[in-house]
């Protein structure tokens, strides 16, 4: 039961993390555009990379732990985690 609960809770926590960092960015302007990493089409600041890694790893770990939960909930856990994972990619790369 705990693995299922953790697997179902990680999408909610991940969306809350994305909303919090979006709010923090809009209020404080914590991203400094002069400090970017990467070259080419996408270049990110260190803070943006930290937020992206936290969101993606949170979803990946939640999906992995959720696989050891109840068999009836595995489909819901995997689909919700995959949906939020794609939300992270769309929200941070576009």
N, C-alpha and C. Protein backbone atom coordinates (compact mmCIF):
# COMPACT_ATOMS: atom_id res chain seq x y z
N UNK A 1 0.82 -1.19 0.00
CA UNK A 1 0.00 0.00 0.00
C UNK A 1 0.86 1.26 0.00
N UNK A 2 1.97 1.21 0.70
CA UNK A 2 2.83 2.40 0.76
C UNK A 2 3.44 2.74 -0.58
N UNK A 3 3.83 1.72 -1.33
CA UNK A 3 4.41 1.97 -2.65
C UNK A 3 3.36 2.56 -3.59
N UNK A 4 2.13 2.09 -3.50
CA UNK A 4 1.06 2.66 -4.33
C UNK A 4 0.78 4.10 -3.94
N UNK A 5 0.76 4.36 -2.67
CA UNK A 5 0.50 5.72 -2.20
C UNK A 5 1.62 6.67 -2.64
N UNK A 6 2.85 6.22 -2.53
CA UNK A 6 3.97 7.04 -2.97
C UNK A 6 3.94 7.25 -4.47
N UNK A 7 3.62 6.20 -5.21
CA UNK A 7 3.55 6.32 -6.67
C UNK A 7 2.46 7.25 -7.12
N UNK A 8 1.32 7.26 -6.43
CA UNK A 8 0.23 8.16 -6.78
C UNK A 8 0.44 9.58 -6.28
N UNK A 9 1.26 9.74 -5.25
CA UNK A 9 1.49 11.07 -4.69
C UNK A 9 2.56 11.86 -5.45
N UNK A 10 3.48 11.17 -6.11
CA UNK A 10 4.56 11.90 -6.78
C UNK A 10 4.09 12.81 -7.91
N UNK A 11 3.06 12.47 -8.71
CA UNK A 11 2.61 13.45 -9.70
C UNK A 11 2.06 14.73 -9.06
N UNK A 12 1.37 14.58 -7.95
CA UNK A 12 0.83 15.76 -7.26
C UNK A 12 1.96 16.61 -6.71
N UNK A 13 2.94 15.98 -6.09
CA UNK A 13 4.09 16.71 -5.55
C UNK A 13 4.88 17.36 -6.68
N UNK A 14 5.01 16.67 -7.80
CA UNK A 14 5.76 17.20 -8.93
C UNK A 14 5.08 18.42 -9.54
N UNK A 15 3.77 18.37 -9.69
CA UNK A 15 3.04 19.53 -10.22
C UNK A 15 3.11 20.69 -9.25
N UNK A 16 3.05 20.40 -7.95
CA UNK A 16 3.19 21.46 -6.95
C UNK A 16 4.59 22.08 -7.02
N UNK A 17 5.61 21.26 -7.24
CA UNK A 17 6.98 21.77 -7.37
C UNK A 17 7.11 22.66 -8.60
N UNK A 18 6.50 22.25 -9.71
CA UNK A 18 6.54 23.06 -10.92
C UNK A 18 5.82 24.39 -10.71
N UNK A 19 4.67 24.36 -10.05
CA UNK A 19 3.94 25.60 -9.77
C UNK A 19 4.72 26.51 -8.83
N UNK A 20 5.35 25.92 -7.81
CA UNK A 20 6.13 26.72 -6.87
C UNK A 20 7.31 27.41 -7.56
N UNK A 21 8.04 26.68 -8.37
CA UNK A 21 9.17 27.30 -9.04
C UNK A 21 8.73 28.31 -10.09
N UNK A 22 7.58 28.08 -10.72
CA UNK A 22 7.03 29.09 -11.62
C UNK A 22 6.67 30.36 -10.87
N UNK A 23 6.06 30.21 -9.71
CA UNK A 23 5.73 31.38 -8.89
C UNK A 23 7.00 32.07 -8.40
N UNK A 24 7.98 31.28 -7.96
CA UNK A 24 9.23 31.85 -7.47
C UNK A 24 9.95 32.61 -8.57
N UNK A 25 9.92 32.07 -9.77
CA UNK A 25 10.55 32.74 -10.90
C UNK A 25 9.86 34.07 -11.20
N UNK A 26 8.55 34.08 -11.18
CA UNK A 26 7.84 35.30 -11.51
C UNK A 26 7.98 36.36 -10.43
N UNK A 27 8.14 35.97 -9.19
CA UNK A 27 8.23 36.94 -8.09
C UNK A 27 9.65 37.46 -7.86
N UNK A 28 10.64 36.61 -8.01
CA UNK A 28 11.99 37.02 -7.65
C UNK A 28 12.92 37.18 -8.84
N UNK A 29 12.57 36.60 -9.97
CA UNK A 29 13.47 36.65 -11.12
C UNK A 29 14.77 35.95 -10.83
N UNK A 30 14.70 34.75 -10.23
CA UNK A 30 15.92 34.08 -9.77
C UNK A 30 16.78 33.56 -10.91
N UNK A 31 16.24 33.54 -12.12
CA UNK A 31 17.04 33.09 -13.25
C UNK A 31 17.84 34.26 -13.80
N UNK A 32 19.12 34.10 -13.87
CA UNK A 32 20.01 35.12 -14.42
C UNK A 32 20.40 34.69 -15.82
N UNK A 33 19.94 35.42 -16.80
CA UNK A 33 20.15 35.02 -18.20
C UNK A 33 21.62 35.09 -18.62
N UNK A 34 22.45 35.75 -17.85
CA UNK A 34 23.85 35.85 -18.23
C UNK A 34 24.63 34.57 -17.89
N UNK A 35 24.07 33.73 -17.03
CA UNK A 35 24.75 32.49 -16.64
C UNK A 35 24.02 31.32 -17.26
N UNK A 36 24.31 31.00 -18.49
CA UNK A 36 23.64 29.90 -19.17
C UNK A 36 24.59 28.73 -19.38
N UNK A 37 24.01 27.55 -19.50
CA UNK A 37 24.76 26.33 -19.74
C UNK A 37 24.29 25.76 -21.07
N UNK A 38 25.20 25.36 -21.89
CA UNK A 38 24.84 24.74 -23.17
C UNK A 38 24.96 25.71 -24.32
N UNK A 39 25.04 25.14 -25.47
CA UNK A 39 25.08 25.96 -26.67
C UNK A 39 24.15 25.32 -27.69
N UNK A 40 23.75 26.07 -28.64
CA UNK A 40 22.83 25.55 -29.63
C UNK A 40 21.45 26.12 -29.43
N UNK A 41 20.44 25.30 -29.70
CA UNK A 41 19.07 25.78 -29.66
C UNK A 41 18.61 26.06 -28.23
N UNK A 42 18.99 25.21 -27.29
CA UNK A 42 18.56 25.38 -25.90
C UNK A 42 19.75 25.74 -25.03
N UNK A 43 19.59 26.76 -24.23
CA UNK A 43 20.59 27.08 -23.22
C UNK A 43 19.85 27.44 -21.94
N UNK A 44 20.27 26.83 -20.84
CA UNK A 44 19.57 26.97 -19.58
C UNK A 44 20.50 27.53 -18.52
N UNK A 45 19.91 28.20 -17.53
CA UNK A 45 20.69 28.62 -16.38
C UNK A 45 20.82 27.44 -15.43
N UNK A 46 21.68 27.58 -14.44
CA UNK A 46 21.89 26.50 -13.48
C UNK A 46 20.63 26.24 -12.67
N UNK A 47 19.88 27.28 -12.33
CA UNK A 47 18.65 27.09 -11.57
C UNK A 47 17.61 26.32 -12.39
N UNK A 48 17.50 26.63 -13.66
CA UNK A 48 16.56 25.91 -14.52
C UNK A 48 16.93 24.44 -14.63
N UNK A 49 18.21 24.15 -14.77
CA UNK A 49 18.66 22.76 -14.83
C UNK A 49 18.35 22.02 -13.54
N UNK A 50 18.52 22.69 -12.41
CA UNK A 50 18.23 22.07 -11.12
C UNK A 50 16.75 21.74 -11.01
N UNK A 51 15.88 22.65 -11.43
CA UNK A 51 14.44 22.43 -11.36
C UNK A 51 14.03 21.29 -12.30
N UNK A 52 14.58 21.28 -13.50
CA UNK A 52 14.24 20.22 -14.45
C UNK A 52 14.68 18.86 -13.94
N UNK A 53 15.89 18.77 -13.41
CA UNK A 53 16.38 17.49 -12.89
C UNK A 53 15.54 17.01 -11.71
N UNK A 54 15.17 17.93 -10.82
CA UNK A 54 14.34 17.54 -9.67
C UNK A 54 13.00 17.00 -10.12
N UNK A 55 12.36 17.66 -11.07
CA UNK A 55 11.06 17.21 -11.53
C UNK A 55 11.11 15.89 -12.26
N UNK A 56 12.09 15.72 -13.12
CA UNK A 56 12.19 14.48 -13.89
C UNK A 56 12.56 13.31 -12.99
N UNK A 57 13.52 13.50 -12.09
CA UNK A 57 13.92 12.40 -11.21
C UNK A 57 12.83 12.05 -10.22
N UNK A 58 12.08 13.04 -9.77
CA UNK A 58 10.97 12.76 -8.85
C UNK A 58 9.94 11.86 -9.53
N UNK A 59 9.63 12.16 -10.77
CA UNK A 59 8.67 11.33 -11.51
C UNK A 59 9.23 9.95 -11.81
N UNK A 60 10.48 9.87 -12.19
CA UNK A 60 11.07 8.57 -12.51
C UNK A 60 11.12 7.68 -11.27
N UNK A 61 11.50 8.23 -10.14
CA UNK A 61 11.55 7.44 -8.91
C UNK A 61 10.15 7.05 -8.44
N UNK A 62 9.19 7.97 -8.58
CA UNK A 62 7.82 7.65 -8.20
C UNK A 62 7.24 6.54 -9.06
N UNK A 63 7.56 6.56 -10.34
CA UNK A 63 7.08 5.51 -11.23
C UNK A 63 7.72 4.17 -10.87
N UNK A 64 9.01 4.18 -10.57
CA UNK A 64 9.71 2.95 -10.21
C UNK A 64 9.18 2.37 -8.91
N UNK A 65 9.01 3.20 -7.89
CA UNK A 65 8.51 2.71 -6.61
C UNK A 65 7.06 2.25 -6.75
N UNK A 66 6.28 2.97 -7.56
CA UNK A 66 4.88 2.60 -7.76
C UNK A 66 4.70 1.26 -8.43
N UNK A 67 5.68 0.81 -9.16
CA UNK A 67 5.59 -0.51 -9.79
C UNK A 67 5.56 -1.65 -8.78
N UNK A 68 6.00 -1.39 -7.57
CA UNK A 68 5.98 -2.42 -6.52
C UNK A 68 4.74 -2.33 -5.65
N UNK A 69 3.77 -1.52 -6.07
CA UNK A 69 2.52 -1.38 -5.31
C UNK A 69 1.50 -2.42 -5.71
N UNK A 70 0.25 -2.10 -5.49
CA UNK A 70 -0.85 -3.01 -5.82
C UNK A 70 -0.99 -3.15 -7.33
N UNK A 71 -1.24 -4.35 -7.80
CA UNK A 71 -1.34 -4.57 -9.24
C UNK A 71 -2.44 -3.76 -9.92
N UNK A 72 -3.53 -3.50 -9.24
CA UNK A 72 -4.63 -2.73 -9.84
C UNK A 72 -4.27 -1.27 -10.03
N UNK A 73 -3.35 -0.75 -9.26
CA UNK A 73 -3.00 0.66 -9.34
C UNK A 73 -1.78 0.94 -10.22
N UNK A 74 -1.11 -0.10 -10.68
CA UNK A 74 0.12 0.11 -11.46
C UNK A 74 -0.17 0.89 -12.74
N UNK A 75 -1.27 0.59 -13.40
CA UNK A 75 -1.61 1.31 -14.63
C UNK A 75 -1.84 2.78 -14.34
N UNK A 76 -2.57 3.10 -13.29
CA UNK A 76 -2.82 4.49 -12.94
C UNK A 76 -1.53 5.22 -12.57
N UNK A 77 -0.66 4.55 -11.86
CA UNK A 77 0.60 5.16 -11.45
C UNK A 77 1.48 5.45 -12.65
N UNK A 78 1.62 4.47 -13.53
CA UNK A 78 2.49 4.64 -14.69
C UNK A 78 1.94 5.71 -15.63
N UNK A 79 0.64 5.69 -15.89
CA UNK A 79 0.06 6.69 -16.79
C UNK A 79 0.12 8.10 -16.22
N UNK A 80 -0.17 8.26 -14.94
CA UNK A 80 -0.10 9.60 -14.35
C UNK A 80 1.33 10.10 -14.29
N UNK A 81 2.26 9.22 -13.97
CA UNK A 81 3.67 9.63 -13.94
C UNK A 81 4.19 9.98 -15.33
N UNK A 82 3.79 9.21 -16.33
CA UNK A 82 4.21 9.51 -17.70
C UNK A 82 3.61 10.82 -18.18
N UNK A 83 2.37 11.09 -17.80
CA UNK A 83 1.74 12.35 -18.18
C UNK A 83 2.43 13.55 -17.56
N UNK A 84 2.75 13.46 -16.29
CA UNK A 84 3.43 14.58 -15.62
C UNK A 84 4.87 14.70 -16.12
N UNK A 85 5.49 13.59 -16.43
CA UNK A 85 6.84 13.63 -17.00
C UNK A 85 6.84 14.36 -18.34
N UNK A 86 5.84 14.09 -19.16
CA UNK A 86 5.75 14.82 -20.43
C UNK A 86 5.42 16.29 -20.20
N UNK A 87 4.65 16.59 -19.16
CA UNK A 87 4.39 17.99 -18.80
C UNK A 87 5.68 18.71 -18.44
N UNK A 88 6.56 18.04 -17.70
CA UNK A 88 7.85 18.63 -17.35
C UNK A 88 8.67 18.94 -18.60
N UNK A 89 8.70 18.00 -19.54
CA UNK A 89 9.47 18.24 -20.76
C UNK A 89 8.90 19.40 -21.56
N UNK A 90 7.59 19.45 -21.68
CA UNK A 90 6.96 20.53 -22.45
C UNK A 90 7.13 21.87 -21.74
N UNK A 91 6.96 21.89 -20.43
CA UNK A 91 7.02 23.15 -19.69
C UNK A 91 8.43 23.72 -19.60
N UNK A 92 9.42 22.86 -19.61
CA UNK A 92 10.78 23.37 -19.43
C UNK A 92 11.57 23.51 -20.72
N UNK A 93 11.20 22.80 -21.76
CA UNK A 93 11.98 22.86 -23.00
C UNK A 93 11.37 23.78 -24.05
N UNK A 94 10.11 24.10 -23.91
CA UNK A 94 9.47 24.95 -24.93
C UNK A 94 9.37 26.36 -24.43
